[in-house]
């Protein structure tokens, strides 16, 4: 899975925002705020990744077990799919 082209992550005043670019602005029409962990996963998803890679990266970066990381990633991916942000 991978983030669609036409979206960037911006750090603004200590917050992380997903911003649509070009034609995506009229298609998407909003900005999404992400947590630090969401921004970490977003950065990983700028390249095509398997869920197992995301779980491994999350458990390496944060003090979280694989079961919790997997469940959190499922929630995050669901939100990205619902917003139609995944290619």
N, C-alpha and C. Protein backbone atom coordinates (compact mmCIF):
# COMPACT_ATOMS: atom_id res chain seq x y z
N UNK A 1 0.84 -1.17 0.00
CA UNK A 1 0.00 0.00 0.00
C UNK A 1 0.88 1.23 0.00
N UNK A 2 0.30 2.33 -0.53
CA UNK A 2 1.08 3.54 -0.72
C UNK A 2 0.13 4.73 -0.77
N UNK A 3 0.62 5.88 -0.31
CA UNK A 3 -0.15 7.13 -0.40
C UNK A 3 -0.25 7.53 -1.87
N UNK A 4 -1.43 8.00 -2.28
CA UNK A 4 -1.62 8.49 -3.64
C UNK A 4 -0.72 9.70 -3.90
N UNK A 5 -0.35 9.88 -5.14
CA UNK A 5 0.37 11.09 -5.54
C UNK A 5 -0.54 12.29 -5.35
N UNK A 6 0.06 13.45 -5.13
CA UNK A 6 -0.72 14.68 -5.02
C UNK A 6 -1.05 15.09 -3.60
N UNK A 7 -0.41 14.44 -2.62
CA UNK A 7 -0.61 14.80 -1.22
C UNK A 7 0.76 14.90 -0.56
N UNK A 8 0.92 15.89 0.31
CA UNK A 8 2.17 16.04 1.05
C UNK A 8 1.86 16.21 2.53
N UNK A 9 2.84 15.89 3.34
CA UNK A 9 2.74 16.08 4.79
C UNK A 9 3.55 17.30 5.15
N UNK A 10 2.93 18.23 5.87
CA UNK A 10 3.60 19.46 6.29
C UNK A 10 3.55 19.56 7.81
N UNK A 11 4.68 19.94 8.40
CA UNK A 11 4.72 20.24 9.83
C UNK A 11 4.44 21.73 9.98
N UNK A 12 3.35 22.05 10.66
CA UNK A 12 2.92 23.44 10.82
C UNK A 12 2.66 23.71 12.29
N UNK A 13 3.46 24.57 12.89
CA UNK A 13 3.29 24.97 14.28
C UNK A 13 3.16 23.77 15.22
N UNK A 14 4.01 22.78 15.03
CA UNK A 14 4.01 21.61 15.90
C UNK A 14 2.96 20.57 15.58
N UNK A 15 2.19 20.78 14.52
CA UNK A 15 1.18 19.82 14.09
C UNK A 15 1.56 19.29 12.71
N UNK A 16 1.02 18.13 12.38
CA UNK A 16 1.27 17.52 11.07
C UNK A 16 -0.02 17.55 10.26
N UNK A 17 0.07 18.12 9.07
CA UNK A 17 -1.10 18.27 8.21
C UNK A 17 -0.85 17.63 6.86
N UNK A 18 -1.85 16.88 6.38
CA UNK A 18 -1.83 16.33 5.04
C UNK A 18 -2.50 17.37 4.14
N UNK A 19 -1.76 17.80 3.13
CA UNK A 19 -2.22 18.88 2.26
C UNK A 19 -2.33 18.36 0.83
N UNK A 20 -3.50 18.54 0.19
CA UNK A 20 -3.62 18.16 -1.22
C UNK A 20 -2.93 19.20 -2.11
N UNK A 21 -2.41 18.75 -3.24
CA UNK A 21 -1.74 19.63 -4.20
C UNK A 21 -2.43 19.56 -5.56
N UNK A 22 -2.27 20.61 -6.34
CA UNK A 22 -2.76 20.63 -7.72
C UNK A 22 -4.23 20.27 -7.83
N UNK A 23 -4.53 19.35 -8.73
CA UNK A 23 -5.93 18.95 -8.96
C UNK A 23 -6.53 18.25 -7.74
N UNK A 24 -5.68 17.73 -6.86
CA UNK A 24 -6.20 17.07 -5.65
C UNK A 24 -6.93 18.04 -4.73
N UNK A 25 -6.60 19.34 -4.83
CA UNK A 25 -7.25 20.34 -3.97
C UNK A 25 -8.75 20.33 -4.21
N UNK A 26 -9.15 20.37 -5.48
CA UNK A 26 -10.59 20.40 -5.77
C UNK A 26 -11.25 19.05 -5.52
N UNK A 27 -10.50 17.96 -5.69
CA UNK A 27 -11.03 16.62 -5.44
C UNK A 27 -11.20 16.36 -3.94
N UNK A 28 -10.22 16.80 -3.18
CA UNK A 28 -10.18 16.46 -1.76
C UNK A 28 -10.83 17.53 -0.91
N UNK A 29 -10.41 18.77 -1.12
CA UNK A 29 -11.07 19.91 -0.50
C UNK A 29 -10.89 20.09 0.99
N UNK A 30 -9.95 19.41 1.61
CA UNK A 30 -9.75 19.60 3.05
C UNK A 30 -8.31 19.25 3.41
N UNK A 31 -8.01 19.46 4.67
CA UNK A 31 -6.70 19.12 5.22
C UNK A 31 -6.93 18.16 6.37
N UNK A 32 -6.06 17.17 6.52
CA UNK A 32 -6.18 16.20 7.60
C UNK A 32 -5.03 16.42 8.57
N UNK A 33 -5.34 16.45 9.85
CA UNK A 33 -4.33 16.59 10.89
C UNK A 33 -3.93 15.19 11.38
N UNK A 34 -2.62 14.96 11.49
CA UNK A 34 -2.11 13.67 11.96
C UNK A 34 -1.34 13.85 13.27
N UNK A 35 -1.33 12.80 14.04
CA UNK A 35 -0.49 12.75 15.24
C UNK A 35 0.95 12.49 14.81
N UNK A 36 1.86 12.53 15.76
CA UNK A 36 3.26 12.23 15.47
C UNK A 36 3.39 10.82 14.89
N UNK A 37 2.67 9.87 15.47
CA UNK A 37 2.71 8.49 14.99
C UNK A 37 2.10 8.39 13.60
N UNK A 38 1.01 9.08 13.37
CA UNK A 38 0.40 9.10 12.05
C UNK A 38 1.34 9.68 11.00
N UNK A 39 2.06 10.73 11.37
CA UNK A 39 3.04 11.34 10.46
C UNK A 39 4.18 10.35 10.17
N UNK A 40 4.60 9.60 11.18
CA UNK A 40 5.64 8.59 11.02
C UNK A 40 5.18 7.54 10.00
N UNK A 41 3.96 7.06 10.16
CA UNK A 41 3.42 6.06 9.23
C UNK A 41 3.22 6.65 7.84
N UNK A 42 2.74 7.88 7.77
CA UNK A 42 2.56 8.55 6.48
C UNK A 42 3.88 8.58 5.72
N UNK A 43 4.96 8.98 6.40
CA UNK A 43 6.27 9.03 5.75
C UNK A 43 6.66 7.66 5.19
N UNK A 44 6.39 6.62 5.95
CA UNK A 44 6.69 5.27 5.46
C UNK A 44 5.86 4.93 4.22
N UNK A 45 4.62 5.38 4.22
CA UNK A 45 3.70 5.05 3.13
C UNK A 45 3.89 5.90 1.87
N UNK A 46 4.87 6.78 1.87
CA UNK A 46 5.18 7.48 0.63
C UNK A 46 5.84 6.51 -0.36
N UNK A 47 6.31 5.38 0.16
CA UNK A 47 6.82 4.28 -0.66
C UNK A 47 5.88 3.09 -0.44
N UNK A 48 5.81 2.21 -1.40
CA UNK A 48 4.93 1.04 -1.28
C UNK A 48 5.41 0.16 -0.12
N UNK A 49 4.54 -0.11 0.83
CA UNK A 49 4.88 -0.89 2.03
C UNK A 49 3.84 -1.96 2.30
N UNK A 50 4.31 -3.05 2.89
CA UNK A 50 3.43 -4.09 3.40
C UNK A 50 3.14 -3.79 4.86
N UNK A 51 2.02 -4.29 5.35
CA UNK A 51 1.65 -4.04 6.75
C UNK A 51 2.74 -4.52 7.70
N UNK A 52 3.34 -5.66 7.43
CA UNK A 52 4.39 -6.19 8.32
C UNK A 52 5.55 -5.21 8.45
N UNK A 53 5.88 -4.50 7.38
CA UNK A 53 6.95 -3.50 7.43
C UNK A 53 6.56 -2.35 8.35
N UNK A 54 5.29 -1.95 8.28
CA UNK A 54 4.81 -0.86 9.13
C UNK A 54 4.84 -1.26 10.60
N UNK A 55 4.40 -2.48 10.89
CA UNK A 55 4.41 -2.98 12.27
C UNK A 55 5.84 -3.00 12.80
N UNK A 56 6.75 -3.52 12.01
CA UNK A 56 8.16 -3.59 12.42
C UNK A 56 8.73 -2.20 12.69
N UNK A 57 8.47 -1.28 11.79
CA UNK A 57 8.99 0.09 11.95
C UNK A 57 8.40 0.75 13.19
N UNK A 58 7.10 0.55 13.43
CA UNK A 58 6.44 1.17 14.57
C UNK A 58 6.97 0.60 15.89
N UNK A 59 7.18 -0.70 15.95
CA UNK A 59 7.69 -1.30 17.20
C UNK A 59 9.15 -0.93 17.42
N UNK A 60 9.89 -0.70 16.34
CA UNK A 60 11.29 -0.26 16.48
C UNK A 60 11.39 1.18 16.96
N UNK A 61 10.47 2.02 16.49
CA UNK A 61 10.53 3.46 16.78
C UNK A 61 9.88 3.83 18.11
N UNK A 62 8.82 3.13 18.48
CA UNK A 62 8.04 3.48 19.67
C UNK A 62 8.00 2.29 20.64
N UNK A 63 7.70 2.59 21.88
CA UNK A 63 7.58 1.56 22.91
C UNK A 63 6.18 0.95 22.84
N UNK A 64 5.99 0.06 21.86
CA UNK A 64 4.68 -0.56 21.64
C UNK A 64 4.91 -2.00 21.18
N UNK A 65 4.03 -2.89 21.61
CA UNK A 65 4.15 -4.29 21.18
C UNK A 65 3.52 -4.47 19.81
N UNK A 66 3.82 -5.58 19.16
CA UNK A 66 3.38 -5.84 17.79
C UNK A 66 1.86 -5.93 17.67
N UNK A 67 1.19 -6.48 18.67
CA UNK A 67 -0.27 -6.62 18.62
C UNK A 67 -0.93 -5.24 18.64
N UNK A 68 -0.47 -4.38 19.54
CA UNK A 68 -1.01 -3.02 19.63
C UNK A 68 -0.68 -2.24 18.37
N UNK A 69 0.56 -2.35 17.89
CA UNK A 69 0.97 -1.65 16.67
C UNK A 69 0.11 -2.08 15.50
N UNK A 70 -0.14 -3.36 15.36
CA UNK A 70 -0.95 -3.88 14.27
C UNK A 70 -2.37 -3.33 14.32
N UNK A 71 -2.95 -3.30 15.50
CA UNK A 71 -4.32 -2.78 15.66
C UNK A 71 -4.36 -1.28 15.33
N UNK A 72 -3.36 -0.54 15.80
CA UNK A 72 -3.31 0.90 15.52
C UNK A 72 -3.12 1.17 14.03
N UNK A 73 -2.29 0.38 13.39
CA UNK A 73 -2.07 0.52 11.95
C UNK A 73 -3.35 0.22 11.19
N UNK A 74 -4.08 -0.81 11.60
CA UNK A 74 -5.36 -1.12 10.96
C UNK A 74 -6.30 0.08 11.01
N UNK A 75 -6.39 0.73 12.16
CA UNK A 75 -7.25 1.91 12.31
C UNK A 75 -6.77 3.05 11.40
N UNK A 76 -5.47 3.26 11.37
CA UNK A 76 -4.90 4.33 10.55
C UNK A 76 -5.16 4.06 9.06
N UNK A 77 -4.90 2.85 8.63
CA UNK A 77 -5.12 2.47 7.23
C UNK A 77 -6.60 2.62 6.87
N UNK A 78 -7.49 2.21 7.77
CA UNK A 78 -8.92 2.36 7.52
C UNK A 78 -9.28 3.83 7.28
N UNK A 79 -8.73 4.73 8.09
CA UNK A 79 -9.00 6.16 7.92
C UNK A 79 -8.46 6.67 6.59
N UNK A 80 -7.26 6.20 6.21
CA UNK A 80 -6.70 6.61 4.92
C UNK A 80 -7.56 6.09 3.76
N UNK A 81 -8.02 4.87 3.88
CA UNK A 81 -8.88 4.29 2.83
C UNK A 81 -10.21 5.06 2.75
N UNK A 82 -10.77 5.38 3.88
CA UNK A 82 -12.04 6.10 3.93
C UNK A 82 -11.91 7.48 3.28
N UNK A 83 -10.73 8.11 3.46
CA UNK A 83 -10.47 9.42 2.86
C UNK A 83 -9.96 9.29 1.41
N UNK A 84 -9.84 8.06 0.91
CA UNK A 84 -9.38 7.77 -0.44
C UNK A 84 -7.97 8.32 -0.69
N UNK A 85 -7.08 8.07 0.28
CA UNK A 85 -5.70 8.56 0.17
C UNK A 85 -4.70 7.49 -0.23
N UNK A 86 -5.14 6.25 -0.33
CA UNK A 86 -4.22 5.17 -0.71
C UNK A 86 -4.37 4.79 -2.17
N UNK A 87 -3.22 4.54 -2.80
CA UNK A 87 -3.22 4.13 -4.21
C UNK A 87 -3.52 2.64 -4.30
